[in-house]
PDB file of all heavy atoms in Angstrom:
ATOM      1  N   THR A   1       0.822  -1.232   0.000  1.00  0.00           N
ATOM      2  CA  THR A   1       0.000   0.000   0.000  1.00  0.00           C
ATOM      3  C   THR A   1       0.844   1.264   0.000  1.00  0.00           C
ATOM      4  O   THR A   1       0.336   2.340  -0.286  1.00  0.00           O
ATOM      5  CB  THR A   1      -1.013   0.103   1.170  1.00  0.00           C
ATOM      6  OG1 THR A   1      -0.327   0.424   2.394  1.00  0.00           O
ATOM      7  CG2 THR A   1      -1.843  -1.151   1.315  1.00  0.00           C
ATOM      8  N   LEU A   2       2.148   1.167   0.316  1.00  0.00           N
ATOM      9  CA  LEU A   2       3.041   2.334   0.369  1.00  0.00           C
ATOM     10  C   LEU A   2       2.622   3.342   1.436  1.00  0.00           C
ATOM     11  O   LEU A   2       3.002   4.513   1.369  1.00  0.00           O
ATOM     12  CB  LEU A   2       3.100   3.037  -0.998  1.00  0.00           C
ATOM     13  CG  LEU A   2       3.507   2.169  -2.189  1.00  0.00           C
ATOM     14  CD1 LEU A   2       3.423   2.973  -3.483  1.00  0.00           C
ATOM     15  CD2 LEU A   2       4.926   1.634  -2.007  1.00  0.00           C
ATOM     16  N   LEU A   3       1.873   2.903   2.427  1.00  0.00           N
ATOM     17  CA  LEU A   3       1.345   3.824   3.435  1.00  0.00           C
ATOM     18  C   LEU A   3       1.791   3.451   4.845  1.00  0.00           C
ATOM     19  O   LEU A   3       1.013   3.518   5.785  1.00  0.00           O
ATOM     20  CB  LEU A   3      -0.194   3.847   3.367  1.00  0.00           C
ATOM     21  CG  LEU A   3      -0.815   4.394   2.082  1.00  0.00           C
ATOM     22  CD1 LEU A   3      -2.325   4.237   2.112  1.00  0.00           C
ATOM     23  CD2 LEU A   3      -0.433   5.859   1.872  1.00  0.00           C
ATOM     24  N   SER A   4       3.058   3.068   4.978  1.00  0.00           N
ATOM     25  CA  SER A   4       3.545   2.687   6.299  1.00  0.00           C
ATOM     26  C   SER A   4       4.980   3.143   6.480  1.00  0.00           C
ATOM     27  O   SER A   4       5.709   3.333   5.490  1.00  0.00           O
ATOM     28  CB  SER A   4       3.457   1.166   6.482  1.00  0.00           C
ATOM     29  OG  SER A   4       4.038   0.767   7.713  1.00  0.00           O
ATOM     30  N   PHE A   5       5.387   3.310   7.718  1.00  0.00           N
ATOM     31  CA  PHE A   5       6.785   3.585   8.033  1.00  0.00           C
ATOM     32  C   PHE A   5       7.543   2.280   8.321  1.00  0.00           C
ATOM     33  O   PHE A   5       8.653   2.297   8.822  1.00  0.00           O
ATOM     34  CB  PHE A   5       6.891   4.531   9.230  1.00  0.00           C
ATOM     35  CG  PHE A   5       6.378   5.921   8.942  1.00  0.00           C
ATOM     36  CD1 PHE A   5       5.962   6.749   9.968  1.00  0.00           C
ATOM     37  CD2 PHE A   5       6.317   6.406   7.647  1.00  0.00           C
ATOM     38  CE1 PHE A   5       5.490   8.029   9.714  1.00  0.00           C
ATOM     39  CE2 PHE A   5       5.852   7.686   7.370  1.00  0.00           C
ATOM     40  CZ  PHE A   5       5.438   8.507   8.413  1.00  0.00           C
ATOM     41  N   GLU A   6       6.948   1.158   7.996  1.00  0.00           N
ATOM     42  CA  GLU A   6       7.572  -0.170   8.067  1.00  0.00           C
ATOM     43  C   GLU A   6       7.556  -0.751   6.666  1.00  0.00           C
ATOM     44  O   GLU A   6       6.499  -0.832   6.035  1.00  0.00           O
ATOM     45  CB  GLU A   6       6.768  -1.064   9.012  1.00  0.00           C
ATOM     46  CG  GLU A   6       7.122  -2.541   8.970  1.00  0.00           C
ATOM     47  CD  GLU A   6       8.226  -2.931   9.924  1.00  0.00           C
ATOM     48  OE1 GLU A   6       9.393  -2.763   9.536  1.00  0.00           O
ATOM     49  OE2 GLU A   6       7.912  -3.384  11.029  1.00  0.00           O
ATOM     50  N   SER A   7       8.699  -1.128   6.117  1.00  0.00           N
ATOM     51  CA  SER A   7       8.758  -1.630   4.739  1.00  0.00           C
ATOM     52  C   SER A   7       8.664  -3.151   4.733  1.00  0.00           C
ATOM     53  O   SER A   7       9.673  -3.849   4.841  1.00  0.00           O
ATOM     54  CB  SER A   7      10.045  -1.151   4.060  1.00  0.00           C
ATOM     55  OG  SER A   7       9.989   0.238   3.839  1.00  0.00           O
ATOM     56  N   SER A   8       7.432  -3.656   4.582  1.00  0.00           N
ATOM     57  CA  SER A   8       7.195  -5.095   4.691  1.00  0.00           C
ATOM     58  C   SER A   8       6.016  -5.514   3.834  1.00  0.00           C
ATOM     59  O   SER A   8       5.051  -4.756   3.664  1.00  0.00           O
ATOM     60  CB  SER A   8       6.941  -5.457   6.162  1.00  0.00           C
ATOM     61  OG  SER A   8       6.746  -6.840   6.317  1.00  0.00           O
ATOM     62  N   SER A   9       6.114  -6.717   3.300  1.00  0.00           N
ATOM     63  CA  SER A   9       4.994  -7.305   2.556  1.00  0.00           C
ATOM     64  C   SER A   9       5.203  -8.816   2.517  1.00  0.00           C
ATOM     65  O   SER A   9       6.307  -9.313   2.740  1.00  0.00           O
ATOM     66  CB  SER A   9       4.939  -6.767   1.123  1.00  0.00           C
ATOM     67  OG  SER A   9       6.062  -7.196   0.367  1.00  0.00           O
ATOM     68  N   ASP A  10       4.127  -9.559   2.237  1.00  0.00           N
ATOM     69  CA  ASP A  10       4.263 -11.011   2.051  1.00  0.00           C
ATOM     70  C   ASP A  10       5.180 -11.306   0.872  1.00  0.00           C
ATOM     71  O   ASP A  10       5.909 -12.304   0.866  1.00  0.00           O
ATOM     72  CB  ASP A  10       2.890 -11.638   1.769  1.00  0.00           C
ATOM     73  CG  ASP A  10       1.941 -11.563   2.950  1.00  0.00           C
ATOM     74  OD1 ASP A  10       2.406 -11.261   4.066  1.00  0.00           O
ATOM     75  OD2 ASP A  10       0.734 -11.804   2.750  1.00  0.00           O
ATOM     76  N   LEU A  11       5.138 -10.446  -0.121  1.00  0.00           N
ATOM     77  CA  LEU A  11       5.847 -10.687  -1.371  1.00  0.00           C
ATOM     78  C   LEU A  11       7.360 -10.620  -1.213  1.00  0.00           C
ATOM     79  O   LEU A  11       8.091 -11.478  -1.710  1.00  0.00           O
ATOM     80  CB  LEU A  11       5.383  -9.679  -2.427  1.00  0.00           C
ATOM     81  CG  LEU A  11       5.769  -9.960  -3.873  1.00  0.00           C
ATOM     82  CD1 LEU A  11       5.191 -11.274  -4.355  1.00  0.00           C
ATOM     83  CD2 LEU A  11       5.296  -8.820  -4.777  1.00  0.00           C
ATOM     84  N   PHE A  12       7.845  -9.604  -0.511  1.00  0.00           N
ATOM     85  CA  PHE A  12       9.286  -9.394  -0.419  1.00  0.00           C
ATOM     86  C   PHE A  12       9.843  -9.539   0.994  1.00  0.00           C
ATOM     87  O   PHE A  12      11.061  -9.487   1.185  1.00  0.00           O
ATOM     88  CB  PHE A  12       9.648  -8.011  -0.958  1.00  0.00           C
ATOM     89  CG  PHE A  12       9.401  -7.847  -2.436  1.00  0.00           C
ATOM     90  CD1 PHE A  12       8.480  -6.922  -2.906  1.00  0.00           C
ATOM     91  CD2 PHE A  12      10.081  -8.629  -3.360  1.00  0.00           C
ATOM     92  CE1 PHE A  12       8.251  -6.762  -4.270  1.00  0.00           C
ATOM     93  CE2 PHE A  12       9.864  -8.483  -4.724  1.00  0.00           C
ATOM     94  CZ  PHE A  12       8.946  -7.549  -5.182  1.00  0.00           C
ATOM     95  N   GLY A  13       8.992  -9.691   1.992  1.00  0.00           N
ATOM     96  CA  GLY A  13       9.487  -9.787   3.351  1.00  0.00           C
ATOM     97  C   GLY A  13       9.739  -8.424   3.961  1.00  0.00           C
ATOM     98  O   GLY A  13       9.403  -7.384   3.385  1.00  0.00           O
ATOM     99  N   THR A  14      10.369  -8.400   5.126  1.00  0.00           N
ATOM    100  CA  THR A  14      10.550  -7.181   5.908  1.00  0.00           C
ATOM    101  C   THR A  14      11.970  -6.642   5.781  1.00  0.00           C
ATOM    102  O   THR A  14      12.941  -7.370   6.014  1.00  0.00           O
ATOM    103  CB  THR A  14      10.251  -7.453   7.396  1.00  0.00           C
ATOM    104  OG1 THR A  14       8.898  -7.902   7.514  1.00  0.00           O
ATOM    105  CG2 THR A  14      10.454  -6.208   8.238  1.00  0.00           C
ATOM    106  N   ALA A  15      12.086  -5.374   5.423  1.00  0.00           N
ATOM    107  CA  ALA A  15      13.391  -4.709   5.386  1.00  0.00           C
ATOM    108  C   ALA A  15      13.807  -4.353   6.814  1.00  0.00           C
ATOM    109  O   ALA A  15      12.975  -3.994   7.645  1.00  0.00           O
ATOM    110  CB  ALA A  15      13.327  -3.454   4.527  1.00  0.00           C
ATOM    111  N   LYS A  16      15.111  -4.437   7.077  1.00  0.00           N
ATOM    112  CA  LYS A  16      15.622  -4.212   8.429  1.00  0.00           C
ATOM    113  C   LYS A  16      16.475  -2.944   8.496  1.00  0.00           C
ATOM    114  O   LYS A  16      17.112  -2.553   7.514  1.00  0.00           O
ATOM    115  CB  LYS A  16      16.467  -5.413   8.874  1.00  0.00           C
ATOM    116  CG  LYS A  16      15.709  -6.729   8.867  1.00  0.00           C
ATOM    117  CD  LYS A  16      16.657  -7.910   9.111  1.00  0.00           C
ATOM    118  CE  LYS A  16      15.928  -9.239   8.969  1.00  0.00           C
ATOM    119  NZ  LYS A  16      16.858 -10.393   9.096  1.00  0.00           N
ATOM    120  N   ASN A  17      16.491  -2.349   9.674  1.00  0.00           N
ATOM    121  CA  ASN A  17      17.313  -1.161   9.881  1.00  0.00           C
ATOM    122  C   ASN A  17      18.792  -1.549   9.844  1.00  0.00           C
ATOM    123  O   ASN A  17      19.195  -2.526  10.480  1.00  0.00           O
ATOM    124  CB  ASN A  17      16.970  -0.519  11.227  1.00  0.00           C
ATOM    125  CG  ASN A  17      17.601   0.845  11.388  1.00  0.00           C
ATOM    126  OD1 ASN A  17      18.809   0.976  11.536  1.00  0.00           O
ATOM    127  ND2 ASN A  17      16.775   1.876  11.371  1.00  0.00           N
ATOM    128  N   PRO A  18      19.616  -0.807   9.123  1.00  0.00           N
ATOM    129  CA  PRO A  18      21.035  -1.169   9.018  1.00  0.00           C
ATOM    130  C   PRO A  18      21.810  -1.020  10.327  1.00  0.00           C
ATOM    131  O   PRO A  18      22.886  -1.618  10.476  1.00  0.00           O
ATOM    132  CB  PRO A  18      21.570  -0.200   7.964  1.00  0.00           C
ATOM    133  CG  PRO A  18      20.622   0.958   7.990  1.00  0.00           C
ATOM    134  CD  PRO A  18      19.289   0.380   8.311  1.00  0.00           C
ATOM    135  N   HIS A  19      21.288  -0.252  11.268  1.00  0.00           N
ATOM    136  CA  HIS A  19      21.954  -0.054  12.556  1.00  0.00           C
ATOM    137  C   HIS A  19      21.517  -1.093  13.591  1.00  0.00           C
ATOM    138  O   HIS A  19      22.323  -1.501  14.424  1.00  0.00           O
ATOM    139  CB  HIS A  19      21.667   1.353  13.084  1.00  0.00           C
ATOM    140  CG  HIS A  19      22.105   2.443  12.164  1.00  0.00           C
ATOM    141  ND1 HIS A  19      23.323   3.068  12.277  1.00  0.00           N
ATOM    142  CD2 HIS A  19      21.478   3.007  11.099  1.00  0.00           C
ATOM    143  CE1 HIS A  19      23.436   3.977  11.315  1.00  0.00           C
ATOM    144  NE2 HIS A  19      22.335   3.961  10.589  1.00  0.00           N
ATOM    145  N   LYS A  20      20.249  -1.484  13.525  1.00  0.00           N
ATOM    146  CA  LYS A  20      19.710  -2.504  14.427  1.00  0.00           C
ATOM    147  C   LYS A  20      18.666  -3.296  13.664  1.00  0.00           C
ATOM    148  O   LYS A  20      17.618  -2.761  13.286  1.00  0.00           O
ATOM    149  CB  LYS A  20      19.069  -1.848  15.659  1.00  0.00           C
ATOM    150  CG  LYS A  20      20.047  -1.439  16.731  1.00  0.00           C
ATOM    151  CD  LYS A  20      19.323  -1.191  18.062  1.00  0.00           C
ATOM    152  CE  LYS A  20      20.328  -1.007  19.183  1.00  0.00           C
ATOM    153  NZ  LYS A  20      19.688  -0.905  20.497  1.00  0.00           N
ATOM    154  N   HIS A  21      18.941  -4.569  13.434  1.00  0.00           N
ATOM    155  CA  HIS A  21      18.048  -5.369  12.601  1.00  0.00           C
ATOM    156  C   HIS A  21      16.702  -5.633  13.252  1.00  0.00           C
ATOM    157  O   HIS A  21      15.757  -6.052  12.575  1.00  0.00           O
ATOM    158  CB  HIS A  21      18.731  -6.684  12.234  1.00  0.00           C
ATOM    159  CG  HIS A  21      19.971  -6.494  11.430  1.00  0.00           C
ATOM    160  ND1 HIS A  21      20.877  -7.504  11.193  1.00  0.00           N
ATOM    161  CD2 HIS A  21      20.470  -5.393  10.811  1.00  0.00           C
ATOM    162  CE1 HIS A  21      21.870  -7.037  10.454  1.00  0.00           C
ATOM    163  NE2 HIS A  21      21.654  -5.762  10.216  1.00  0.00           N
ATOM    164  N   THR A  22      16.596  -5.377  14.544  1.00  0.00           N
ATOM    165  CA  THR A  22      15.325  -5.543  15.245  1.00  0.00           C
ATOM    166  C   THR A  22      14.376  -4.387  14.977  1.00  0.00           C
ATOM    167  O   THR A  22      13.208  -4.434  15.359  1.00  0.00           O
ATOM    168  CB  THR A  22      15.566  -5.631  16.758  1.00  0.00           C
ATOM    169  OG1 THR A  22      16.398  -4.528  17.159  1.00  0.00           O
ATOM    170  CG2 THR A  22      16.249  -6.937  17.127  1.00  0.00           C
ATOM    171  N   HIS A  23      14.869  -3.342  14.313  1.00  0.00           N
ATOM    172  CA  HIS A  23      14.091  -2.128  14.093  1.00  0.00           C
ATOM    173  C   HIS A  23      13.850  -1.888  12.602  1.00  0.00           C
ATOM    174  O   HIS A  23      14.530  -2.448  11.751  1.00  0.00           O
ATOM    175  CB  HIS A  23      14.805  -0.922  14.715  1.00  0.00           C
ATOM    176  CG  HIS A  23      14.814  -0.938  16.211  1.00  0.00           C
ATOM    177  ND1 HIS A  23      15.448  -1.926  16.951  1.00  0.00           N
ATOM    178  CD2 HIS A  23      14.258  -0.087  17.124  1.00  0.00           C
ATOM    179  CE1 HIS A  23      15.280  -1.680  18.245  1.00  0.00           C
ATOM    180  NE2 HIS A  23      14.562  -0.572  18.376  1.00  0.00           N
ATOM    181  N   THR A  24      12.897  -1.031  12.298  1.00  0.00           N
ATOM    182  CA  THR A  24      12.536  -0.733  10.916  1.00  0.00           C
ATOM    183  C   THR A  24      13.455   0.344  10.332  1.00  0.00           C
ATOM    184  O   THR A  24      13.885   1.247  11.052  1.00  0.00           O
ATOM    185  CB  THR A  24      11.074  -0.269  10.814  1.00  0.00           C
ATOM    186  OG1 THR A  24      10.785   0.106   9.461  1.00  0.00           O
ATOM    187  CG2 THR A  24      10.799   0.932  11.703  1.00  0.00           C
ATOM    188  N   PRO A  25      13.729   0.285   9.023  1.00  0.00           N
ATOM    189  CA  PRO A  25      14.481   1.355   8.368  1.00  0.00           C
ATOM    190  C   PRO A  25      13.576   2.495   7.921  1.00  0.00           C
ATOM    191  O   PRO A  25      14.037   3.464   7.324  1.00  0.00           O
ATOM    192  CB  PRO A  25      15.097   0.650   7.160  1.00  0.00           C
ATOM    193  CG  PRO A  25      14.063  -0.366   6.786  1.00  0.00           C
ATOM    194  CD  PRO A  25      13.468  -0.838   8.094  1.00  0.00           C
ATOM    195  N   GLY A  26      12.282   2.357   8.193  1.00  0.00           N
ATOM    196  CA  GLY A  26      11.320   3.377   7.763  1.00  0.00           C
ATOM    197  C   GLY A  26      10.557   2.949   6.529  1.00  0.00           C
ATOM    198  O   GLY A  26      10.725   1.845   6.009  1.00  0.00           O
ATOM    199  N   GLY A  27       9.708   3.842   6.068  1.00  0.00           N
ATOM    200  CA  GLY A  27       8.911   3.566   4.887  1.00  0.00           C
ATOM    201  C   GLY A  27       8.306   4.858   4.362  1.00  0.00           C
ATOM    202  O   GLY A  27       8.367   5.886   5.036  1.00  0.00           O
ATOM    203  N   SER A  28       7.780   4.863   3.157  1.00  0.00           N
ATOM    204  CA  SER A  28       7.711   3.644   2.373  1.00  0.00           C
ATOM    205  C   SER A  28       8.972   3.365   1.550  1.00  0.00           C
ATOM    206  O   SER A  28       9.094   2.313   0.933  1.00  0.00           O
ATOM    207  CB  SER A  28       6.506   3.716   1.434  1.00  0.00           C
ATOM    208  OG  SER A  28       6.593   4.826   0.557  1.00  0.00           O
ATOM    209  N   SER A  29       9.937   4.311   1.575  1.00  0.00           N
ATOM    210  CA  SER A  29      11.190   4.095   0.844  1.00  0.00           C
ATOM    211  C   SER A  29      12.239   3.484   1.768  1.00  0.00           C
ATOM    212  O   SER A  29      13.411   3.862   1.741  1.00  0.00           O
ATOM    213  CB  SER A  29      11.693   5.436   0.268  1.00  0.00           C
ATOM    214  OG  SER A  29      10.685   6.096  -0.460  1.00  0.00           O
ATOM    215  N   GLY A  30      11.822   2.505   2.576  1.00  0.00           N
ATOM    216  CA  GLY A  30      12.698   1.948   3.598  1.00  0.00           C
ATOM    217  C   GLY A  30      13.859   1.148   3.048  1.00  0.00           C
ATOM    218  O   GLY A  30      14.965   1.180   3.585  1.00  0.00           O
ATOM    219  N   GLY A  31      13.629   0.392   1.970  1.00  0.00           N
ATOM    220  CA  GLY A  31      14.720  -0.360   1.367  1.00  0.00           C
ATOM    221  C   GLY A  31      15.824   0.558   0.870  1.00  0.00           C
ATOM    222  O   GLY A  31      17.014   0.256   1.002  1.00  0.00           O
ATOM    223  N   GLU A  32      15.425   1.697   0.299  1.00  0.00           N
ATOM    224  CA  GLU A  32      16.406   2.695  -0.141  1.00  0.00           C
ATOM    225  C   GLU A  32      17.228   3.198   1.036  1.00  0.00           C
ATOM    226  O   GLU A  32      18.453   3.329   0.955  1.00  0.00           O
ATOM    227  CB  GLU A  32      15.707   3.883  -0.816  1.00  0.00           C
ATOM    228  CG  GLU A  32      15.394   3.698  -2.269  1.00  0.00           C
ATOM    229  CD  GLU A  32      16.622   3.491  -3.143  1.00  0.00           C
ATOM    230  OE1 GLU A  32      17.723   3.974  -2.792  1.00  0.00           O
ATOM    231  OE2 GLU A  32      16.494   2.828  -4.176  1.00  0.00           O
ATOM    232  N   GLY A  33      16.547   3.517   2.142  1.00  0.00           N
ATOM    233  CA  GLY A  33      17.254   4.027   3.304  1.00  0.00           C
ATOM    234  C   GLY A  33      18.307   3.057   3.807  1.00  0.00           C
ATOM    235  O   GLY A  33      19.445   3.445   4.102  1.00  0.00           O
ATOM    236  N   ALA A  34      17.942   1.780   3.901  1.00  0.00           N
ATOM    237  CA  ALA A  34      18.874   0.761   4.388  1.00  0.00           C
ATOM    238  C   ALA A  34      20.048   0.588   3.427  1.00  0.00           C
ATOM    239  O   ALA A  34      21.210   0.498   3.846  1.00  0.00           O
ATOM    240  CB  ALA A  34      18.145  -0.564   4.574  1.00  0.00           C
ATOM    241  N   LEU A  35      19.762   0.512   2.130  1.00  0.00           N
ATOM    242  CA  LEU A  35      20.807   0.307   1.130  1.00  0.00           C
ATOM    243  C   LEU A  35      21.809   1.460   1.128  1.00  0.00           C
ATOM    244  O   LEU A  35      23.028   1.252   1.118  1.00  0.00           O
ATOM    245  CB  LEU A  35      20.172   0.163  -0.252  1.00  0.00           C
ATOM    246  CG  LEU A  35      21.136  -0.070  -1.426  1.00  0.00           C
ATOM    247  CD1 LEU A  35      21.839  -1.407  -1.297  1.00  0.00           C
ATOM    248  CD2 LEU A  35      20.391   0.027  -2.756  1.00  0.00           C
ATOM    249  N   LEU A  36      21.310   2.692   1.157  1.00  0.00           N
ATOM    250  CA  LEU A  36      22.181   3.867   1.130  1.00  0.00           C
ATOM    251  C   LEU A  36      23.016   3.967   2.396  1.00  0.00           C
ATOM    252  O   LEU A  36      24.210   4.306   2.355  1.00  0.00           O
ATOM    253  CB  LEU A  36      21.337   5.135   0.945  1.00  0.00           C
ATOM    254  CG  LEU A  36      20.690   5.294  -0.435  1.00  0.00           C
ATOM    255  CD1 LEU A  36      19.553   6.312  -0.371  1.00  0.00           C
ATOM    256  CD2 LEU A  36      21.717   5.724  -1.475  1.00  0.00           C
ATOM    257  N   ALA A  37      22.410   3.676   3.540  1.00  0.00           N
ATOM    258  CA  ALA A  37      23.142   3.770   4.805  1.00  0.00           C
ATOM    259  C   ALA A  37      24.318   2.802   4.847  1.00  0.00           C
ATOM    260  O   ALA A  37      25.360   3.111   5.435  1.00  0.00           O
ATOM    261  CB  ALA A  37      22.194   3.508   5.974  1.00  0.00           C
ATOM    262  N   LEU A  38      24.170   1.653   4.217  1.00  0.00           N
ATOM    263  CA  LEU A  38      25.225   0.646   4.217  1.00  0.00           C
ATOM    264  C   LEU A  38      26.219   0.833   3.067  1.00  0.00           C
ATOM    265  O   LEU A  38      27.165   0.067   2.933  1.00  0.00           O
ATOM    266  CB  LEU A  38      24.619  -0.753   4.166  1.00  0.00           C
ATOM    267  CG  LEU A  38      23.953  -1.213   5.463  1.00  0.00           C
ATOM    268  CD1 LEU A  38      23.172  -2.501   5.250  1.00  0.00           C
ATOM    269  CD2 LEU A  38      24.996  -1.414   6.564  1.00  0.00           C
ATOM    270  N   GLY A  39      25.986   1.834   2.226  1.00  0.00           N
ATOM    271  CA  GLY A  39      26.908   2.100   1.130  1.00  0.00           C
ATOM    272  C   GLY A  39      26.707   1.230  -0.075  1.00  0.00           C
ATOM    273  O   GLY A  39      27.570   1.184  -0.964  1.00  0.00           O
ATOM    274  N   GLY A  40      25.571   0.526  -0.161  1.00  0.00           N
ATOM    275  CA  GLY A  40      25.280  -0.295  -1.326  1.00  0.00           C
ATOM    276  C   GLY A  40      24.813   0.511  -2.511  1.00  0.00           C
ATOM    277  O   GLY A  40      24.626  -0.018  -3.610  1.00  0.00           O
ATOM    278  N   SER A  41      24.654   1.810  -2.321  1.00  0.00           N
ATOM    279  CA  SER A  41      24.314   2.772  -3.362  1.00  0.00           C
ATOM    280  C   SER A  41      24.690   4.131  -2.792  1.00  0.00           C
ATOM    281  O   SER A  41      24.778   4.291  -1.569  1.00  0.00           O
ATOM    282  CB  SER A  41      22.822   2.708  -3.694  1.00  0.00           C
ATOM    283  OG  SER A  41      22.469   3.653  -4.691  1.00  0.00           O
ATOM    284  N   ARG A  42      24.924   5.094  -3.660  1.00  0.00           N
ATOM    285  CA  ARG A  42      25.157   6.457  -3.166  1.00  0.00           C
ATOM    286  C   ARG A  42      23.979   7.367  -3.473  1.00  0.00           C
ATOM    287  O   ARG A  42      23.772   8.372  -2.795  1.00  0.00           O
ATOM    288  CB  ARG A  42      26.426   7.051  -3.781  1.00  0.00           C
ATOM    289  CG  ARG A  42      27.709   6.461  -3.249  1.00  0.00           C
ATOM    290  CD  ARG A  42      28.918   7.283  -3.626  1.00  0.00           C
ATOM    291  NE  ARG A  42      29.081   8.442  -2.775  1.00  0.00           N
ATOM    292  CZ  ARG A  42      29.886   8.473  -1.706  1.00  0.00           C
ATOM    293  NH1 ARG A  42      30.572   7.405  -1.358  1.00  0.00           N
ATOM    294  NH2 ARG A  42      29.994   9.580  -0.988  1.00  0.00           N
TER     295      ARG A  42
END
């Protein structure tokens, strides 16, 4: 739905915060946040 601060779905699973995997990286662009924080993209 793109309407959450948690990036999760049955289809792709739950994205994790790069600092603490027990926490969310945010949403709805949460996967981007995690990837950029870890340097997997600039």
